[in-house]
């Protein structure tokens, strides 16, 4: 375990710190994270859904003992939803009170655009100099946001500051740890990527996926875990609309435990495919013959 408030001093220490919190990272990811922490640069993680991109930000916040501030991106996200907005209702009330008390326009203007009327959203919270320790800022699924929002992010990612015309510039006393994720439903602009360290998070190989299941679902027996990994790895070799990620492997193993399954059989596989696959066309393709074929391959591999 890392000492409170300390950053890992090496790639090996980074990898071990993640492992101490049940995140099994490949060395290239541990290297990217170590460099992001050492150089105080944002870390941009791109890859298929369910491969652990969001989870790494949560794990980093836990292992470093820092608060996690999450900005969930979506279509139409703008400055007011991501950074700040003025509390217009309170400002209107202040105007009415000022009119009754005969307050001058200059004095009223200074009050209306002070900090007590400023609603801080995720980005402004993350760089707030009043933060006791720099938080971990997770900008999740950036590809879901509109392209103009990326331009707004540039000031935050470059200088860790936000300029508010009526208020001034808010700059971080110490930069937050920033993790951005994308499922690559569209390309992110090069200007954003240039400000970050980049890492592609792919599907794990069988050995690492087995290690992840051992950490995340310790109650699963060795035989069941090996069968789950072999079956899911087989699904990923198929032409499916949405391949199952490690998140689905973990959830499926938990579902099988809830059903008291000790090993895979055709009935339990067909009945629980909806935990692994999220599109009916994929389920219809796998259910029945394909599931039986994959299961037979798994049994032969286990026997060998």
C-alpha atoms as a PDB file:
ATOM      1  CA  UNK A   1       0.000   0.000   0.000  1.00  0.00           C
ATOM      2  CA  UNK A   2       1.146   3.541  -0.763  1.00  0.00           C
ATOM      3  CA  UNK A   3       1.756   5.909   2.164  1.00  0.00           C
ATOM      4  CA  UNK A   4      -1.072   8.466   2.550  1.00  0.00           C
ATOM      5  CA  UNK A   5      -0.721  11.270   0.025  1.00  0.00           C
ATOM      6  CA  UNK A   6       2.258   9.679  -1.764  1.00  0.00           C
ATOM      7  CA  UNK A   7       2.479   9.002  -5.486  1.00  0.00           C
ATOM      8  CA  UNK A   8       4.024   5.750  -6.747  1.00  0.00           C
ATOM      9  CA  UNK A   9       7.752   6.073  -7.353  1.00  0.00           C
ATOM     10  CA  UNK A  10       8.054   3.562 -10.196  1.00  0.00           C
ATOM     11  CA  UNK A  11       6.095   1.564 -12.749  1.00  0.00           C
ATOM     12  CA  UNK A  12       6.315  -1.546 -10.577  1.00  0.00           C
ATOM     13  CA  UNK A  13       5.020   0.381  -7.580  1.00  0.00           C
ATOM     14  CA  UNK A  14       2.173   1.761  -9.698  1.00  0.00           C
ATOM     15  CA  UNK A  15       1.253  -1.736 -10.880  1.00  0.00           C
ATOM     16  CA  UNK A  16       1.364  -3.100  -7.335  1.00  0.00           C
ATOM     17  CA  UNK A  17      -0.700  -0.220  -5.944  1.00  0.00           C
ATOM     18  CA  UNK A  18      -3.394  -0.933  -8.540  1.00  0.00           C
ATOM     19  CA  UNK A  19      -3.236  -4.638  -7.723  1.00  0.00           C
ATOM     20  CA  UNK A  20      -3.622  -3.855  -4.023  1.00  0.00           C
ATOM     21  CA  UNK A  21      -7.007  -2.396  -4.972  1.00  0.00           C
ATOM     22  CA  UNK A  22      -7.961  -5.345  -7.205  1.00  0.00           C
ATOM     23  CA  UNK A  23      -7.170  -3.675 -10.530  1.00  0.00           C
ATOM     24  CA  UNK A  24      -5.077  -6.055 -12.647  1.00  0.00           C
ATOM     25  CA  UNK A  25      -3.290  -3.760 -15.103  1.00  0.00           C
ATOM     26  CA  UNK A  26      -1.016  -4.726 -17.964  1.00  0.00           C
ATOM     27  CA  UNK A  27       2.431  -3.147 -17.728  1.00  0.00           C
ATOM     28  CA  UNK A  28       1.831  -0.686 -20.575  1.00  0.00           C
ATOM     29  CA  UNK A  29      -1.170   0.759 -18.741  1.00  0.00           C
ATOM     30  CA  UNK A  30       0.767   0.965 -15.472  1.00  0.00           C
ATOM     31  CA  UNK A  31       3.528   2.782 -17.381  1.00  0.00           C
ATOM     32  CA  UNK A  32       1.083   5.284 -18.885  1.00  0.00           C
ATOM     33  CA  UNK A  33      -0.472   5.944 -15.474  1.00  0.00           C
ATOM     34  CA  UNK A  34       2.911   6.347 -13.761  1.00  0.00           C
ATOM     35  CA  UNK A  35       4.014   8.878 -16.380  1.00  0.00           C
ATOM     36  CA  UNK A  36       0.714  10.778 -16.160  1.00  0.00           C
ATOM     37  CA  UNK A  37       1.168  11.100 -12.392  1.00  0.00           C
ATOM     38  CA  UNK A  38       4.883  11.913 -12.632  1.00  0.00           C
ATOM     39  CA  UNK A  39       4.493  14.539 -15.384  1.00  0.00           C
ATOM     40  CA  UNK A  40       1.131  15.922 -14.145  1.00  0.00           C
ATOM     41  CA  UNK A  41      -0.429  15.255 -17.552  1.00  0.00           C
ATOM     42  CA  UNK A  42      -3.999  14.143 -18.299  1.00  0.00           C
ATOM     43  CA  UNK A  43      -4.355  10.468 -19.227  1.00  0.00           C
ATOM     44  CA  UNK A  44      -6.558   9.704 -22.225  1.00  0.00           C
ATOM     45  CA  UNK A  45      -7.898   6.134 -22.285  1.00  0.00           C
ATOM     46  CA  UNK A  46      -9.605   4.871 -25.414  1.00  0.00           C
ATOM     47  CA  UNK A  47     -11.039   1.440 -26.098  1.00  0.00           C
ATOM     48  CA  UNK A  48     -14.076  -0.799 -26.221  1.00  0.00           C
ATOM     49  CA  UNK A  49     -16.792  -0.388 -23.574  1.00  0.00           C
ATOM     50  CA  UNK A  50     -16.369  -2.566 -20.513  1.00  0.00           C
ATOM     51  CA  UNK A  51     -12.575  -2.818 -20.607  1.00  0.00           C
ATOM     52  CA  UNK A  52     -11.911  -0.984 -17.322  1.00  0.00           C
ATOM     53  CA  UNK A  53     -11.316   2.612 -18.459  1.00  0.00           C
ATOM     54  CA  UNK A  54     -13.696   4.212 -15.975  1.00  0.00           C
ATOM     55  CA  UNK A  55     -12.643   1.795 -13.265  1.00  0.00           C
ATOM     56  CA  UNK A  56      -9.019   2.923 -13.397  1.00  0.00           C
ATOM     57  CA  UNK A  57      -9.994   6.477 -12.411  1.00  0.00           C
ATOM     58  CA  UNK A  58     -12.013   5.139  -9.482  1.00  0.00           C
ATOM     59  CA  UNK A  59      -9.114   2.915  -8.442  1.00  0.00           C
ATOM     60  CA  UNK A  60      -6.584   5.761  -8.663  1.00  0.00           C
ATOM     61  CA  UNK A  61      -8.790   7.964  -6.464  1.00  0.00           C
ATOM     62  CA  UNK A  62      -9.069   5.184  -3.873  1.00  0.00           C
ATOM     63  CA  UNK A  63      -5.392   4.212  -3.873  1.00  0.00           C
ATOM     64  CA  UNK A  64      -4.241   7.842  -3.538  1.00  0.00           C
ATOM     65  CA  UNK A  65      -6.931   8.768  -1.009  1.00  0.00           C
ATOM     66  CA  UNK A  66      -8.291  11.599  -3.160  1.00  0.00           C
ATOM     67  CA  UNK A  67     -11.863  12.619  -3.947  1.00  0.00           C
ATOM     68  CA  UNK A  68     -13.231  11.542  -7.329  1.00  0.00           C
ATOM     69  CA  UNK A  69     -15.076  14.163  -9.389  1.00  0.00           C
ATOM     70  CA  UNK A  70     -16.849  12.605 -12.374  1.00  0.00           C
ATOM     71  CA  UNK A  71     -18.120  14.443 -15.428  1.00  0.00           C
ATOM     72  CA  UNK A  72     -20.353  12.098 -17.413  1.00  0.00           C
ATOM     73  CA  UNK A  73     -20.394  13.381 -20.976  1.00  0.00           C
ATOM     74  CA  UNK A  74     -23.519  13.363 -23.111  1.00  0.00           C
ATOM     75  CA  UNK A  75     -24.924  14.980 -26.228  1.00  0.00           C
ATOM     76  CA  UNK A  76     -25.614  18.670 -25.645  1.00  0.00           C
ATOM     77  CA  UNK A  77     -23.175  19.008 -22.739  1.00  0.00           C
ATOM     78  CA  UNK A  78     -21.987  22.605 -22.485  1.00  0.00           C
ATOM     79  CA  UNK A  79     -20.251  25.031 -20.147  1.00  0.00           C
ATOM     80  CA  UNK A  80     -23.209  25.356 -17.768  1.00  0.00           C
ATOM     81  CA  UNK A  81     -23.434  21.592 -17.324  1.00  0.00           C
ATOM     82  CA  UNK A  82     -19.704  20.919 -17.167  1.00  0.00           C
ATOM     83  CA  UNK A  83     -18.019  23.933 -15.542  1.00  0.00           C
ATOM     84  CA  UNK A  84     -20.260  26.554 -13.937  1.00  0.00           C
ATOM     85  CA  UNK A  85     -23.415  28.603 -14.151  1.00  0.00           C
ATOM     86  CA  UNK A  86     -24.832  31.563 -12.313  1.00  0.00           C
ATOM     87  CA  UNK A  87     -27.681  31.083  -9.861  1.00  0.00           C
ATOM     88  CA  UNK A  88     -30.126  33.303 -11.686  1.00  0.00           C
ATOM     89  CA  UNK A  89     -33.000  32.701  -9.248  1.00  0.00           C
ATOM     90  CA  UNK A  90     -30.917  33.937  -6.303  1.00  0.00           C
ATOM     91  CA  UNK A  91     -29.614  36.849  -8.362  1.00  0.00           C
ATOM     92  CA  UNK A  92     -33.183  37.969  -9.113  1.00  0.00           C
ATOM     93  CA  UNK A  93     -34.046  37.814  -5.435  1.00  0.00           C
ATOM     94  CA  UNK A  94     -30.949  39.877  -4.643  1.00  0.00           C
ATOM     95  CA  UNK A  95     -31.987  42.486  -7.215  1.00  0.00           C
ATOM     96  CA  UNK A  96     -35.438  42.843  -5.644  1.00  0.00           C
ATOM     97  CA  UNK A  97     -33.935  43.193  -2.157  1.00  0.00           C
ATOM     98  CA  UNK A  98     -31.453  45.782  -3.439  1.00  0.00           C
ATOM     99  CA  UNK A  99     -34.247  47.806  -5.002  1.00  0.00           C
ATOM    100  CA  UNK A 100     -36.054  47.957  -1.661  1.00  0.00           C
ATOM    101  CA  UNK A 101     -32.897  48.983   0.173  1.00  0.00           C
ATOM    102  CA  UNK A 102     -31.858  51.534  -2.457  1.00  0.00           C
ATOM    103  CA  UNK A 103     -28.478  49.868  -3.119  1.00  0.00           C
ATOM    104  CA  UNK A 104     -26.395  51.484  -5.883  1.00  0.00           C
ATOM    105  CA  UNK A 105     -26.060  49.762  -9.237  1.00  0.00           C
ATOM    106  CA  UNK A 106     -22.271  49.448  -8.876  1.00  0.00           C
ATOM    107  CA  UNK A 107     -22.504  47.802  -5.461  1.00  0.00           C
ATOM    108  CA  UNK A 108     -25.255  45.493  -6.709  1.00  0.00           C
ATOM    109  CA  UNK A 109     -23.151  44.446  -9.723  1.00  0.00           C
ATOM    110  CA  UNK A 110     -20.259  43.482  -7.482  1.00  0.00           C
ATOM    111  CA  UNK A 111     -22.526  41.325  -5.332  1.00  0.00           C
ATOM    112  CA  UNK A 112     -24.417  39.624  -8.150  1.00  0.00           C
ATOM    113  CA  UNK A 113     -21.283  38.169  -9.716  1.00  0.00           C
ATOM    114  CA  UNK A 114     -19.526  37.089  -6.558  1.00  0.00           C
ATOM    115  CA  UNK A 115     -18.686  33.551  -5.532  1.00  0.00           C
ATOM    116  CA  UNK A 116     -21.865  33.026  -3.520  1.00  0.00           C
ATOM    117  CA  UNK A 117     -23.944  33.121  -6.699  1.00  0.00           C
ATOM    118  CA  UNK A 118     -21.630  30.822  -8.650  1.00  0.00           C
ATOM    119  CA  UNK A 119     -22.752  27.205  -9.046  1.00  0.00           C
ATOM    120  CA  UNK A 120     -19.642  25.055  -9.481  1.00  0.00           C
ATOM    121  CA  UNK A 121     -19.937  22.052 -11.745  1.00  0.00           C
ATOM    122  CA  UNK A 122     -17.392  19.232 -12.136  1.00  0.00           C
ATOM    123  CA  UNK A 123     -14.643  21.067 -14.050  1.00  0.00           C
ATOM    124  CA  UNK A 124     -14.650  24.101 -11.763  1.00  0.00           C
ATOM    125  CA  UNK A 125     -14.796  21.917  -8.667  1.00  0.00           C
ATOM    126  CA  UNK A 126     -11.738  19.996  -9.866  1.00  0.00           C
ATOM    127  CA  UNK A 127      -9.549  23.111 -10.218  1.00  0.00           C
ATOM    128  CA  UNK A 128     -10.979  25.001  -7.249  1.00  0.00           C
ATOM    129  CA  UNK A 129      -7.921  26.296  -5.314  1.00  0.00           C
ATOM    130  CA  UNK A 130      -9.920  25.831  -2.105  1.00  0.00           C
ATOM    131  CA  UNK A 131      -9.710  22.039  -2.553  1.00  0.00           C
ATOM    132  CA  UNK A 132      -7.606  20.635   0.343  1.00  0.00           C
ATOM    133  CA  UNK A 133      -5.991  18.076  -1.999  1.00  0.00           C
ATOM    134  CA  UNK A 134      -6.074  17.890  -5.803  1.00  0.00           C
ATOM    135  CA  UNK A 135      -8.905  15.504  -6.747  1.00  0.00           C
ATOM    136  CA  UNK A 136      -9.094  12.916  -9.493  1.00  0.00           C
ATOM    137  CA  UNK A 137     -11.178  14.340 -12.350  1.00  0.00           C
ATOM    138  CA  UNK A 138     -12.832  11.708 -14.547  1.00  0.00           C
ATOM    139  CA  UNK A 139     -14.143  13.039 -17.870  1.00  0.00           C
ATOM    140  CA  UNK A 140     -16.058   9.940 -18.883  1.00  0.00           C
ATOM    141  CA  UNK A 141     -17.077   8.969 -22.433  1.00  0.00           C
ATOM    142  CA  UNK A 142     -15.903  12.189 -24.080  1.00  0.00           C
ATOM    143  CA  UNK A 143     -16.967  10.803 -27.444  1.00  0.00           C
ATOM    144  CA  UNK A 144     -20.603  11.196 -26.377  1.00  0.00           C
ATOM    145  CA  UNK A 145     -20.226  14.979 -26.091  1.00  0.00           C
ATOM    146  CA  UNK A 146     -20.445  17.325 -29.078  1.00  0.00           C
ATOM    147  CA  UNK A 147     -17.239  18.454 -30.777  1.00  0.00           C
ATOM    148  CA  UNK A 148     -17.520  22.134 -29.652  1.00  0.00           C
ATOM    149  CA  UNK A 149     -17.249  20.949 -26.044  1.00  0.00           C
ATOM    150  CA  UNK A 150     -13.758  19.631 -26.780  1.00  0.00           C
ATOM    151  CA  UNK A 151     -12.638  23.171 -27.645  1.00  0.00           C
ATOM    152  CA  UNK A 152     -13.848  24.348 -24.246  1.00  0.00           C
ATOM    153  CA  UNK A 153     -11.802  21.617 -22.570  1.00  0.00           C
ATOM    154  CA  UNK A 154      -8.520  22.857 -24.019  1.00  0.00           C
ATOM    155  CA  UNK A 155      -8.033  25.610 -21.428  1.00  0.00           C
ATOM    156  CA  UNK A 156      -8.701  23.178 -18.609  1.00  0.00           C
ATOM    157  CA  UNK A 157      -6.334  20.514 -19.955  1.00  0.00           C
ATOM    158  CA  UNK A 158      -3.565  22.973 -20.882  1.00  0.00           C
ATOM    159  CA  UNK A 159      -3.452  25.387 -17.938  1.00  0.00           C
ATOM    160  CA  UNK A 160      -5.825  23.835 -15.387  1.00  0.00           C
ATOM    161  CA  UNK A 161      -7.813  27.037 -15.293  1.00  0.00           C
ATOM    162  CA  UNK A 162     -11.228  28.348 -16.322  1.00  0.00           C
ATOM    163  CA  UNK A 163     -11.940  31.925 -17.338  1.00  0.00           C
ATOM    164  CA  UNK A 164     -15.303  33.284 -16.188  1.00  0.00           C
ATOM    165  CA  UNK A 165     -15.941  36.658 -17.878  1.00  0.00           C
ATOM    166  CA  UNK A 166     -17.970  38.186 -15.019  1.00  0.00           C
ATOM    167  CA  UNK A 167     -15.808  36.733 -12.259  1.00  0.00           C
ATOM    168  CA  UNK A 168     -12.223  36.273 -13.417  1.00  0.00           C
ATOM    169  CA  UNK A 169      -9.890  33.331 -13.945  1.00  0.00           C
ATOM    170  CA  UNK A 170      -9.985  30.398 -11.548  1.00  0.00           C
ATOM    171  CA  UNK A 171      -6.733  28.418 -11.583  1.00  0.00           C
ATOM    172  CA  UNK A 172      -5.803  25.281  -9.666  1.00  0.00           C
ATOM    173  CA  UNK A 173      -3.247  25.693  -6.900  1.00  0.00           C
ATOM    174  CA  UNK A 174      -2.159  22.153  -7.777  1.00  0.00           C
ATOM    175  CA  UNK A 175      -3.384  20.411 -10.924  1.00  0.00           C
ATOM    176  CA  UNK A 176      -5.910  17.613 -10.468  1.00  0.00           C
ATOM    177  CA  UNK A 177      -5.232  14.114 -11.766  1.00  0.00           C
ATOM    178  CA  UNK A 178      -7.249  13.974 -14.991  1.00  0.00           C
ATOM    179  CA  UNK A 179      -8.456  10.803 -16.693  1.00  0.00           C
ATOM    180  CA  UNK A 180     -10.439  11.046 -19.928  1.00  0.00           C
ATOM    181  CA  UNK A 181     -12.167   8.050 -21.486  1.00  0.00           C
ATOM    182  CA  UNK A 182     -13.645   7.387 -24.909  1.00  0.00           C
ATOM    183  CA  UNK A 183     -15.419   4.375 -26.399  1.00  0.00           C
ATOM    184  CA  UNK A 184     -14.383   5.667 -29.851  1.00  0.00           C
ATOM    185  CA  UNK A 185     -17.876   6.071 -31.226  1.00  0.00           C
ATOM    186  CA  UNK A 186     -16.282   9.072 -32.965  1.00  0.00           C
ATOM    187  CA  UNK A 187     -12.762  10.449 -33.252  1.00  0.00           C
ATOM    188  CA  UNK A 188     -11.600  12.938 -30.611  1.00  0.00           C
ATOM    189  CA  UNK A 189      -9.865  16.064 -31.939  1.00  0.00           C
ATOM    190  CA  UNK A 190      -6.071  15.985 -32.100  1.00  0.00           C
ATOM    191  CA  UNK A 191      -5.853  19.190 -30.025  1.00  0.00           C
ATOM    192  CA  UNK A 192      -7.310  17.313 -27.037  1.00  0.00           C
ATOM    193  CA  UNK A 193      -5.128  14.234 -27.537  1.00  0.00           C
ATOM    194  CA  UNK A 194      -1.951  16.337 -27.806  1.00  0.00           C
ATOM    195  CA  UNK A 195      -2.524  17.609 -24.279  1.00  0.00           C
ATOM    196  CA  UNK A 196      -2.756  14.090 -22.890  1.00  0.00           C
ATOM    197  CA  UNK A 197      -0.818  10.883 -22.574  1.00  0.00           C
ATOM    198  CA  UNK A 198      -2.627   8.254 -24.637  1.00  0.00           C
ATOM    199  CA  UNK A 199      -3.293   4.572 -23.998  1.00  0.00           C
ATOM    200  CA  UNK A 200      -5.506   2.089 -25.801  1.00  0.00           C
ATOM    201  CA  UNK A 201      -7.309  -0.241 -23.379  1.00  0.00           C
ATOM    202  CA  UNK A 202      -8.066  -3.478 -25.185  1.00  0.00           C
ATOM    203  CA  UNK A 203      -9.725  -6.701 -24.136  1.00  0.00           C
ATOM    204  CA  UNK A 204      -7.555  -8.697 -21.718  1.00  0.00           C
ATOM    205  CA  UNK A 205      -5.965 -11.966 -22.707  1.00  0.00           C
ATOM    206  CA  UNK A 206      -7.165 -15.145 -21.005  1.00  0.00           C
ATOM    207  CA  UNK A 207      -4.532 -15.127 -18.249  1.00  0.00           C
ATOM    208  CA  UNK A 208      -5.204 -11.525 -17.219  1.00  0.00           C
ATOM    209  CA  UNK A 209      -8.979 -11.984 -17.431  1.00  0.00           C
ATOM    210  CA  UNK A 210      -8.705 -15.017 -15.145  1.00  0.00           C
ATOM    211  CA  UNK A 211      -6.641 -12.959 -12.694  1.00  0.00           C
ATOM    212  CA  UNK A 212      -9.263 -10.179 -12.817  1.00  0.00           C
ATOM    213  CA  UNK A 213     -12.065 -12.633 -12.060  1.00  0.00           C
ATOM    214  CA  UNK A 214     -10.046 -14.023  -9.170  1.00  0.00           C
ATOM    215  CA  UNK A 215      -9.825 -10.513  -7.714  1.00  0.00           C
ATOM    216  CA  UNK A 216     -13.327  -9.281  -8.510  1.00  0.00           C
ATOM    217  CA  UNK A 217     -15.327 -12.480  -7.939  1.00  0.00           C
ATOM    218  CA  UNK A 218     -13.271 -14.399  -5.368  1.00  0.00           C
ATOM    219  CA  UNK A 219     -16.188 -16.698  -4.550  1.00  0.00           C
ATOM    220  CA  UNK A 220     -16.147 -18.313  -7.996  1.00  0.00           C
ATOM    221  CA  UNK A 221     -14.439 -21.680  -8.147  1.00  0.00           C
ATOM    222  CA  UNK A 222     -11.368 -22.213 -10.315  1.00  0.00           C
ATOM    223  CA  UNK A 223     -13.214 -24.480 -12.764  1.00  0.00           C
ATOM    224  CA  UNK A 224     -16.102 -22.051 -13.288  1.00  0.00           C
ATOM    225  CA  UNK A 225     -13.762 -19.071 -13.682  1.00  0.00           C
ATOM    226  CA  UNK A 226     -11.659 -20.863 -16.313  1.00  0.00           C
ATOM    227  CA  UNK A 227     -14.789 -21.891 -18.229  1.00  0.00           C
ATOM    228  CA  UNK A 228     -16.210 -18.359 -18.111  1.00  0.00           C
ATOM    229  CA  UNK A 229     -12.961 -16.885 -19.430  1.00  0.00           C
ATOM    230  CA  UNK A 230     -12.654 -19.473 -22.223  1.00  0.00           C
ATOM    231  CA  UNK A 231     -16.297 -18.989 -23.269  1.00  0.00           C
ATOM    232  CA  UNK A 232     -16.059 -15.176 -23.295  1.00  0.00           C
ATOM    233  CA  UNK A 233     -12.762 -15.271 -25.175  1.00  0.00           C
ATOM    234  CA  UNK A 234     -14.521 -17.445 -27.755  1.00  0.00           C
ATOM    235  CA  UNK A 235     -17.375 -14.932 -28.069  1.00  0.00           C
ATOM    236  CA  UNK A 236     -14.855 -12.176 -28.780  1.00  0.00           C
ATOM    237  CA  UNK A 237     -13.608 -14.091 -31.802  1.00  0.00           C
ATOM    238  CA  UNK A 238     -17.107 -13.994 -33.311  1.00  0.00           C
ATOM    239  CA  UNK A 239     -18.568 -11.285 -35.537  1.00  0.00           C
ATOM    240  CA  UNK A 240     -20.914  -9.692 -33.008  1.00  0.00           C
ATOM    241  CA  UNK A 241     -22.348  -6.176 -32.916  1.00  0.00           C
ATOM    242  CA  UNK A 242     -21.130  -5.629 -29.359  1.00  0.00           C
ATOM    243  CA  UNK A 243     -18.419  -7.864 -27.939  1.00  0.00           C
ATOM    244  CA  UNK A 244     -18.609  -8.566 -24.187  1.00  0.00           C
ATOM    245  CA  UNK A 245     -16.074  -6.665 -22.089  1.00  0.00           C
ATOM    246  CA  UNK A 246     -14.457  -7.591 -18.811  1.00  0.00           C
ATOM    247  CA  UNK A 247     -17.338  -5.852 -17.019  1.00  0.00           C
ATOM    248  CA  UNK A 248     -19.721  -8.373 -18.600  1.00  0.00           C
ATOM    249  CA  UNK A 249     -17.432 -11.278 -17.670  1.00  0.00           C
ATOM    250  CA  UNK A 250     -17.494 -10.177 -14.035  1.00  0.00           C
ATOM    251  CA  UNK A 251     -21.251  -9.660 -14.045  1.00  0.00           C
ATOM    252  CA  UNK A 252     -21.869 -13.024 -15.727  1.00  0.00           C
ATOM    253  CA  UNK A 253     -19.711 -14.833 -13.168  1.00  0.00           C
ATOM    254  CA  UNK A 254     -21.666 -13.165 -10.357  1.00  0.00           C
ATOM    255  CA  UNK A 255     -24.936 -14.174 -12.034  1.00  0.00           C
ATOM    256  CA  UNK A 256     -23.763 -17.783 -12.347  1.00  0.00           C
ATOM    257  CA  UNK A 257     -22.846 -17.808  -8.651  1.00  0.00           C
ATOM    258  CA  UNK A 258     -26.311 -16.481  -7.807  1.00  0.00           C
ATOM    259  CA  UNK A 259     -27.727 -19.462  -9.724  1.00  0.00           C
ATOM    260  CA  UNK A 260     -25.436 -21.853  -7.814  1.00  0.00           C
ATOM    261  CA  UNK A 261     -23.754 -22.936 -11.043  1.00  0.00           C
ATOM    262  CA  UNK A 262     -20.479 -24.770 -10.463  1.00  0.00           C
ATOM    263  CA  UNK A 263     -19.713 -25.308 -14.167  1.00  0.00           C
ATOM    264  CA  UNK A 264     -21.211 -24.154 -17.459  1.00  0.00           C
ATOM    265  CA  UNK A 265     -23.912 -26.211 -19.134  1.00  0.00           C
ATOM    266  CA  UNK A 266     -26.015 -25.456 -22.249  1.00  0.00           C
ATOM    267  CA  UNK A 267     -29.170 -24.578 -20.307  1.00  0.00           C
ATOM    268  CA  UNK A 268     -27.554 -22.064 -17.953  1.00  0.00           C
ATOM    269  CA  UNK A 269     -25.557 -20.498 -20.807  1.00  0.00           C
ATOM    270  CA  UNK A 270     -28.642 -19.976 -22.988  1.00  0.00           C
ATOM    271  CA  UNK A 271     -30.672 -18.651 -20.057  1.00  0.00           C
ATOM    272  CA  UNK A 272     -28.048 -16.081 -19.032  1.00  0.00           C
ATOM    273  CA  UNK A 273     -26.740 -14.798 -22.369  1.00  0.00           C
ATOM    274  CA  UNK A 274     -28.530 -11.506 -21.710  1.00  0.00           C
ATOM    275  CA  UNK A 275     -25.958 -10.763 -19.012  1.00  0.00           C
ATOM    276  CA  UNK A 276     -23.122 -11.055 -21.546  1.00  0.00           C
ATOM    277  CA  UNK A 277     -24.721  -9.732 -24.732  1.00  0.00           C
ATOM    278  CA  UNK A 278     -26.784  -6.564 -24.956  1.00  0.00           C
ATOM    279  CA  UNK A 279     -28.301  -6.836 -28.442  1.00  0.00           C
ATOM    280  CA  UNK A 280     -31.000  -9.299 -29.441  1.00  0.00           C
ATOM    281  CA  UNK A 281     -29.348 -10.023 -32.800  1.00  0.00           C
ATOM    282  CA  UNK A 282     -26.180 -11.100 -30.972  1.00  0.00           C
ATOM    283  CA  UNK A 283     -28.141 -13.260 -28.526  1.00  0.00           C
ATOM    284  CA  UNK A 284     -30.100 -14.903 -31.353  1.00  0.00           C
ATOM    285  CA  UNK A 285     -26.870 -15.685 -33.201  1.00  0.00           C
ATOM    286  CA  UNK A 286     -25.154 -17.274 -30.206  1.00  0.00           C
ATOM    287  CA  UNK A 287     -28.096 -18.990 -28.520  1.00  0.00           C
ATOM    288  CA  UNK A 288     -28.471 -22.669 -29.285  1.00  0.00           C
ATOM    289  CA  UNK A 289     -25.982 -24.118 -31.773  1.00  0.00           C
ATOM    290  CA  UNK A 290     -23.171 -21.531 -31.437  1.00  0.00           C
ATOM    291  CA  UNK A 291     -23.366 -21.628 -27.645  1.00  0.00           C
ATOM    292  CA  UNK A 292     -23.183 -25.438 -27.709  1.00  0.00           C
ATOM    293  CA  UNK A 293     -20.201 -25.325 -30.098  1.00  0.00           C
ATOM    294  CA  UNK A 294     -18.341 -22.824 -27.906  1.00  0.00           C
ATOM    295  CA  UNK A 295     -19.131 -24.829 -24.804  1.00  0.00           C
ATOM    296  CA  UNK A 296     -17.772 -27.987 -26.412  1.00  0.00           C
ATOM    297  CA  UNK A 297     -14.563 -26.130 -27.338  1.00  0.00           C
ATOM    298  CA  UNK A 298     -14.285 -24.962 -23.738  1.00  0.00           C
ATOM    299  CA  UNK A 299     -14.681 -28.520 -22.413  1.00  0.00           C
ATOM    300  CA  UNK A 300     -12.096 -29.898 -24.827  1.00  0.00           C
ATOM    301  CA  UNK A 301      -9.649 -27.157 -23.859  1.00  0.00           C
ATOM    302  CA  UNK A 302     -10.260 -27.802 -20.172  1.00  0.00           C
ATOM    303  CA  UNK A 303      -9.760 -31.523 -20.703  1.00  0.00           C
ATOM    304  CA  UNK A 304      -6.520 -30.941 -22.579  1.00  0.00           C
END
